[in-house]
Amino acid sequence: MAVPAPDVSIILPCAGFGTRFGAPYAKELHCLAPGATVLDRSLEAAVELVKSGLNVRVVVVFGTHKLDTVKYLARYVGTFQLVFVYQDDAAGPGLDGAIRCALPMTEGPVALVLPDIVVSDVGSLRTALRLTEASGWGVVAAKERDPGVLRQMGALTVSGGERVVTVEAAAEKPADPAGHNALWGIVAVTAEEAHRLPDVARRDADSPLAGARALLVDQIVNYNTTEG
């Protein structure tokens, strides 16, 4: 039976070591409620796309130390088209390297969903995909002023509007977050612009998020520790 082409592709980078998390298991497998891990919560927005009638491909980037995560994702067989790819040395380390590994496996518009980031609005990814019609890019973001938090995240400077705003500037984990007032949790991009997606996660490149439209949600939680 032929597999239908996906309407949307999700890049799910799971090859990190999570050294700051300080647990003997992958941080995305940390339990938040009975039967629900951080990974389940991070994928809720993608599950919502499936519920809306879209075919969703999830490209999981992993390393040999993440076989427990690969096994856990078996619960999503029948929900997503699951594709697994190793993060190899040729693509480079870090999040940008993971994105490079995944891109050849994507079709259609692409969304970057991080397995340790949970956004408060499960419909936010659908909105971000619609926002790509304006500039090729759509972002799910939350207001943030704490410099310590912004130094550990994708920092944004946003302006205008109450729910939908414009990204004026963006920086990956900036050493000096002065001037930034928000952070991103999910990034969506058209197929035509997807080749630039690795630059979202690079400190040494101009971010392609400048000029993007962003949906503001109430909360974005980065699970860096077992306390959240």
Protein backbone atom coordinates (compact mmCIF):
# COMPACT_ATOMS: atom_id res chain seq x y z
CA MET A 1 0.00 0.00 0.00
CA ALA A 2 1.38 3.39 -0.99
CA VAL A 3 2.08 5.82 1.82
CA PRO A 4 0.38 9.17 1.17
CA ALA A 5 2.59 12.22 0.87
CA PRO A 6 2.58 14.19 4.12
CA ASP A 7 0.76 17.51 4.30
CA VAL A 8 3.23 18.66 6.97
CA SER A 9 6.58 17.36 8.18
CA ILE A 10 7.74 17.70 11.78
CA ILE A 11 11.42 17.62 12.72
CA LEU A 12 11.81 16.15 16.22
CA PRO A 13 15.48 16.35 17.32
CA CYS A 14 16.13 13.74 20.02
CA ALA A 15 19.90 13.25 19.74
CA GLY A 16 20.96 15.55 22.58
CA PHE A 17 22.53 14.24 25.78
CA GLY A 18 20.57 16.43 28.21
CA THR A 19 23.48 16.73 30.62
CA ARG A 20 21.83 19.57 32.57
CA PHE A 21 18.74 17.48 33.20
CA GLY A 22 20.55 15.30 35.73
CA ALA A 23 18.48 12.11 35.44
CA PRO A 24 19.43 8.57 34.36
CA TYR A 25 16.89 8.71 31.53
CA ALA A 26 16.23 11.02 28.57
CA LYS A 27 14.57 14.24 29.66
CA GLU A 28 11.82 13.90 27.05
CA LEU A 29 10.74 10.69 28.84
CA HIS A 30 10.27 12.46 32.17
CA CYS A 31 6.77 11.74 33.50
CA LEU A 32 4.51 14.76 33.99
CA ALA A 33 1.29 12.86 34.70
CA PRO A 34 0.15 9.23 34.61
CA GLY A 35 0.79 8.02 31.07
CA ALA A 36 2.12 11.38 29.86
CA THR A 37 5.76 12.37 29.41
CA VAL A 38 7.36 15.65 28.36
CA LEU A 39 7.57 14.16 24.86
CA ASP A 40 3.83 13.49 24.77
CA ARG A 41 3.12 17.05 25.82
CA SER A 42 5.53 18.46 23.23
CA LEU A 43 3.78 16.47 20.48
CA GLU A 44 0.26 17.56 21.40
CA ALA A 45 0.29 20.36 18.83
CA ALA A 46 1.34 17.86 16.12
CA VAL A 47 -1.39 15.42 17.19
CA GLU A 48 -3.86 18.27 16.82
CA LEU A 49 -2.83 18.58 13.15
CA VAL A 50 -3.71 14.91 12.64
CA LYS A 51 -7.07 15.42 14.32
CA SER A 52 -7.75 18.23 11.84
CA GLY A 53 -7.36 15.76 8.96
CA LEU A 54 -3.74 16.32 7.90
CA ASN A 55 -1.18 13.62 7.16
CA VAL A 56 1.79 14.39 9.39
CA ARG A 57 5.29 12.96 8.99
CA VAL A 58 7.53 13.12 12.07
CA VAL A 59 11.24 12.86 11.32
CA VAL A 60 12.97 11.80 14.53
CA VAL A 61 16.69 12.53 14.77
CA PHE A 62 18.41 10.33 17.35
CA GLY A 63 21.68 8.76 18.50
CA THR A 64 22.46 5.31 19.84
CA HIS A 65 22.00 6.60 23.39
CA LYS A 66 18.33 7.38 22.65
CA LEU A 67 16.96 3.95 21.80
CA ASP A 68 14.55 4.17 24.74
CA THR A 69 13.04 7.25 23.10
CA VAL A 70 12.77 5.42 19.76
CA LYS A 71 10.98 2.56 21.52
CA TYR A 72 8.64 4.96 23.33
CA LEU A 73 7.57 6.59 20.07
CA ALA A 74 6.04 3.29 18.95
CA ARG A 75 2.86 4.52 20.65
CA TYR A 76 2.50 7.01 17.78
CA VAL A 77 2.46 4.38 15.02
CA GLY A 78 -0.84 4.95 13.24
CA THR A 79 -0.93 8.60 14.26
CA PHE A 80 2.14 9.90 12.42
CA GLN A 81 4.29 8.71 9.55
CA LEU A 82 7.40 8.05 11.64
CA VAL A 83 10.84 8.33 10.04
CA PHE A 84 14.02 7.78 12.06
CA VAL A 85 17.44 9.11 11.11
CA TYR A 86 20.75 9.07 12.97
CA GLN A 87 22.50 12.37 13.55
CA ASP A 88 25.83 11.83 11.85
CA ASP A 89 29.13 13.68 12.02
CA ALA A 90 28.83 15.02 8.47
CA ALA A 91 25.82 17.15 9.42
CA GLY A 92 27.59 18.60 12.45
CA PRO A 93 26.68 18.53 16.14
CA GLY A 94 23.97 20.42 17.95
CA LEU A 95 20.45 21.36 16.98
CA ASP A 96 21.44 22.79 13.60
CA GLY A 97 23.14 19.50 12.72
CA ALA A 98 20.02 17.57 13.70
CA ILE A 99 17.92 19.74 11.43
CA ARG A 100 20.31 19.15 8.52
CA CYS A 101 19.99 15.38 9.01
CA ALA A 102 16.19 15.56 8.99
CA LEU A 103 15.56 17.94 6.09
CA PRO A 104 16.11 15.41 3.26
CA MET A 105 13.33 13.29 4.78
CA THR A 106 10.77 16.11 4.87
CA GLU A 107 8.06 16.99 2.37
CA GLY A 108 5.80 20.01 2.32
CA PRO A 109 5.89 22.70 4.99
CA VAL A 110 8.14 21.88 7.93
CA ALA A 111 7.83 22.54 11.66
CA LEU A 112 10.59 22.29 14.23
CA VAL A 113 9.20 20.80 17.45
CA LEU A 114 11.62 20.31 20.34
CA PRO A 115 11.01 17.24 22.53
CA ASP A 116 11.73 19.10 25.78
CA ILE A 117 9.65 22.20 25.03
CA VAL A 118 5.94 22.32 25.88
CA VAL A 119 3.66 25.09 24.60
CA SER A 120 0.42 25.90 26.34
CA ASP A 121 -1.83 26.10 23.23
CA VAL A 122 -2.29 22.80 21.36
CA GLY A 123 -3.72 24.67 18.35
CA SER A 124 -0.70 26.94 18.07
CA LEU A 125 1.14 24.88 15.44
CA ARG A 126 -1.83 25.07 13.07
CA THR A 127 -1.79 28.84 13.46
CA ALA A 128 1.98 29.05 12.92
CA LEU A 129 1.64 27.12 9.67
CA ARG A 130 -0.99 29.58 8.48
CA LEU A 131 1.29 32.47 9.42
CA THR A 132 3.94 31.21 6.99
CA GLU A 133 1.81 32.58 4.14
CA ALA A 134 3.06 36.09 4.91
CA SER A 135 6.86 35.67 4.93
CA GLY A 136 7.51 31.94 4.66
CA TRP A 137 7.98 31.65 8.43
CA GLY A 138 5.64 31.26 11.40
CA VAL A 139 6.56 31.11 15.09
CA VAL A 140 4.92 30.07 18.33
CA ALA A 141 6.30 32.43 20.99
CA ALA A 142 5.77 33.63 24.55
CA LYS A 143 6.71 36.91 26.20
CA GLU A 144 9.81 36.66 28.40
CA ARG A 145 11.98 39.28 30.12
CA ASP A 146 14.20 37.15 32.38
CA PRO A 147 17.77 37.42 30.98
CA GLY A 148 18.72 34.05 32.45
CA VAL A 149 15.90 32.32 30.60
CA LEU A 150 16.58 34.15 27.34
CA ARG A 151 20.25 33.11 27.39
CA GLN A 152 19.15 29.45 27.27
CA MET A 153 16.54 29.78 24.53
CA GLY A 154 15.84 31.11 21.08
CA ALA A 155 15.33 34.78 21.98
CA LEU A 156 13.10 37.14 20.02
CA THR A 157 12.28 40.80 19.83
CA VAL A 158 8.59 41.11 18.97
CA SER A 159 6.29 44.08 18.46
CA GLY A 160 2.72 44.95 17.55
CA GLY A 161 -0.56 43.21 18.25
CA GLU A 162 -1.76 41.25 21.24
CA ARG A 163 -1.84 37.67 19.93
CA VAL A 164 -0.15 37.85 16.52
CA VAL A 165 3.04 39.91 16.46
CA THR A 166 6.03 40.57 14.21
CA VAL A 167 9.51 39.24 14.94
CA GLU A 168 11.88 42.21 14.63
CA ALA A 169 15.04 40.29 15.60
CA ALA A 170 16.06 36.83 16.78
CA ALA A 171 19.15 35.21 18.31
CA GLU A 172 19.98 31.68 19.46
CA LYS A 173 20.93 31.62 23.17
CA PRO A 174 22.33 35.15 23.13
CA ALA A 175 25.12 36.00 25.56
CA ASP A 176 23.57 39.46 25.88
CA PRO A 177 19.77 39.22 25.68
CA ALA A 178 19.20 42.95 26.12
CA GLY A 179 16.39 44.14 23.86
CA HIS A 180 14.77 40.72 23.52
CA ASN A 181 11.32 40.33 25.02
CA ALA A 182 10.15 36.86 23.97
CA LEU A 183 11.26 33.32 23.16
CA TRP A 184 10.14 30.77 20.60
CA GLY A 185 8.81 27.28 21.21
CA ILE A 186 7.93 26.06 17.69
CA VAL A 187 9.08 27.28 14.28
CA ALA A 188 7.16 26.59 11.04
CA VAL A 189 8.46 27.23 7.53
CA THR A 190 7.36 26.71 3.95
CA ALA A 191 8.99 23.99 1.87
CA GLU A 192 10.69 26.68 -0.22
CA GLU A 193 12.37 28.27 2.80
CA ALA A 194 13.05 25.09 4.78
CA HIS A 195 16.71 24.89 3.66
CA ARG A 196 17.36 27.88 5.94
CA LEU A 197 15.89 26.21 9.02
CA PRO A 198 19.29 25.17 10.49
CA ASP A 199 20.20 28.86 10.78
CA VAL A 200 17.47 29.28 13.41
CA ALA A 201 19.69 27.26 15.77
CA ARG A 202 23.05 28.86 14.91
CA ARG A 203 24.73 31.62 16.88
CA ASP A 204 27.04 32.49 13.98
CA ALA A 205 24.32 33.12 11.36
CA ASP A 206 21.70 35.78 10.78
CA SER A 207 18.41 34.34 11.96
CA PRO A 208 15.80 33.83 9.23
CA LEU A 209 13.09 34.53 11.80
CA ALA A 210 13.46 38.32 11.44
CA GLY A 211 10.29 39.49 9.73
CA ALA A 212 8.27 36.39 10.63
CA ARG A 213 4.82 36.52 12.15
CA ALA A 214 4.45 34.95 15.58
CA LEU A 215 1.56 33.71 17.67
CA LEU A 216 1.90 34.55 21.35
CA VAL A 217 0.83 31.82 23.76
CA ASP A 218 0.52 32.07 27.52
CA GLN A 219 3.43 29.79 28.39
CA ILE A 220 6.37 27.90 26.93
CA VAL A 221 8.15 25.55 29.33
CA ASN A 222 11.67 24.27 28.74
CA TYR A 223 12.24 21.07 30.73
CA ASN A 224 15.92 21.46 31.56
CA THR A 225 15.63 19.88 34.98
CA THR A 226 13.39 17.31 36.65
CA GLU A 227 11.59 20.22 38.32
CA GLY A 228 10.74 21.78 34.93
